[in-house]
Amino acid sequence: MKLVIDSNRIIATLIRDSTNRRIILSQRFQFVCPPEMVDEILKYKDFVINKAKYTDEQFDELFSWILSELRISDIEKIDDFIPKAEAIMTEIEPTDVCFI
């Protein structure tokens, strides 16, 4: 089963070894994310490092491992759906259009 995964779930997975991490790394599902998610998570790198008490290297290694388990969608494949997603998300959370 393919599921779109939100940045918050990845951040939670980075912070602690939890159910989130076990599910993402279990290979029971194929998690898909928009390309913007990588940049969004990297904006929170310092937060994650401080919260989880990681070194830069530990963060990079774990993030790379998690990314290897995700399928990053091609922007060309979702471009046609952006107007409809914007219409849906305008009142809810405009910054999450790429996840819809």
Protein backbone atom coordinates (compact mmCIF):
# COMPACT_ATOMS: atom_id res chain seq x y z
CA MET A 1 0.00 0.00 0.00
CA LYS A 2 1.27 3.47 -0.89
CA LEU A 3 0.82 6.24 1.66
CA VAL A 4 1.84 9.89 1.56
CA ILE A 5 3.85 10.72 4.65
CA ASP A 6 3.90 14.11 6.34
CA SER A 7 7.07 15.87 7.49
CA ASN A 8 5.93 15.75 11.11
CA ARG A 9 5.99 11.94 11.06
CA ILE A 10 9.54 11.98 9.71
CA ILE A 11 10.64 14.50 12.34
CA ALA A 12 9.09 12.32 15.07
CA THR A 13 10.91 9.33 13.58
CA LEU A 14 14.18 11.20 13.68
CA ILE A 15 13.77 12.31 17.28
CA ARG A 16 13.11 8.93 18.89
CA ASP A 17 13.11 5.25 18.16
CA SER A 18 9.37 4.74 18.34
CA THR A 19 6.41 3.17 16.63
CA ASN A 20 6.74 5.79 13.88
CA ARG A 21 10.24 4.60 13.08
CA ARG A 22 9.32 0.92 13.19
CA ILE A 23 6.40 1.47 10.83
CA ILE A 24 8.39 3.56 8.37
CA LEU A 25 11.29 1.14 8.30
CA SER A 26 9.15 -2.01 8.34
CA GLN A 27 8.63 -2.10 4.56
CA ARG A 28 4.98 -3.04 5.07
CA PHE A 29 4.00 0.18 3.30
CA GLN A 30 5.52 2.25 0.56
CA PHE A 31 5.74 5.79 1.87
CA VAL A 32 5.74 8.56 -0.69
CA CYS A 33 6.65 12.17 -0.03
CA PRO A 34 6.95 15.34 -2.08
CA PRO A 35 10.45 16.64 -2.85
CA GLU A 36 9.82 19.72 -0.67
CA MET A 37 9.72 17.51 2.39
CA VAL A 38 13.49 17.01 2.41
CA ASP A 39 14.14 20.75 2.58
CA GLU A 40 11.43 21.19 5.19
CA ILE A 41 12.99 18.59 7.46
CA LEU A 42 16.48 20.00 7.01
CA LYS A 43 15.12 23.34 8.30
CA TYR A 44 14.51 21.50 11.59
CA LYS A 45 17.84 19.69 11.69
CA ASP A 46 19.18 21.70 14.65
CA PHE A 47 15.92 21.21 16.55
CA VAL A 48 16.06 17.43 16.00
CA ILE A 49 19.75 17.25 16.93
CA ASN A 50 19.13 19.15 20.18
CA LYS A 51 15.97 17.21 21.07
CA ALA A 52 17.46 13.78 20.30
CA LYS A 53 20.97 14.66 21.48
CA TYR A 54 22.53 13.55 18.17
CA THR A 55 25.71 14.63 16.51
CA ASP A 56 25.48 16.03 12.98
CA GLU A 57 26.83 12.73 11.72
CA GLN A 58 24.22 10.70 13.61
CA PHE A 59 21.43 12.87 12.24
CA ASP A 60 22.76 12.62 8.68
CA GLU A 61 23.12 8.85 8.92
CA LEU A 62 19.62 8.31 10.32
CA PHE A 63 18.03 10.78 7.90
CA SER A 64 19.76 9.09 4.95
CA TRP A 65 18.54 5.71 6.15
CA ILE A 66 14.98 6.96 6.48
CA LEU A 67 15.13 8.66 3.08
CA SER A 68 16.30 5.40 1.52
CA GLU A 69 13.02 3.84 2.68
CA LEU A 70 10.86 6.61 1.19
CA ARG A 71 9.89 7.23 -2.39
CA ILE A 72 10.27 10.90 -3.25
CA SER A 73 7.70 11.75 -5.90
CA ASP A 74 8.73 13.44 -9.11
CA ILE A 75 7.48 17.01 -9.17
CA GLU A 76 6.31 16.48 -12.76
CA LYS A 77 3.96 13.74 -11.59
CA ILE A 78 2.18 15.99 -9.10
CA ASP A 79 2.18 19.29 -11.03
CA ASP A 80 -1.18 18.56 -12.65
CA PHE A 81 -2.79 18.06 -9.24
CA ILE A 82 -1.50 21.26 -7.59
CA PRO A 83 -4.49 23.48 -8.55
CA LYS A 84 -6.99 20.98 -7.11
CA ALA A 85 -4.87 20.51 -3.97
CA GLU A 86 -4.65 24.29 -3.53
CA ALA A 87 -8.43 24.55 -3.74
CA ILE A 88 -8.79 21.88 -1.06
CA MET A 89 -6.11 23.24 1.27
CA THR A 90 -6.63 27.02 0.97
CA GLU A 91 -8.78 27.18 4.10
CA ILE A 92 -7.03 24.36 5.96
CA GLU A 93 -3.23 24.57 5.60
CA PRO A 94 -1.92 26.14 2.37
CA THR A 95 1.65 25.04 3.06
CA ASP A 96 0.61 21.38 2.90
CA VAL A 97 -0.60 21.51 -0.70
CA CYS A 98 2.25 19.28 -1.88
CA PHE A 99 1.12 16.50 0.50
CA ILE A 100 -2.43 16.45 -0.86
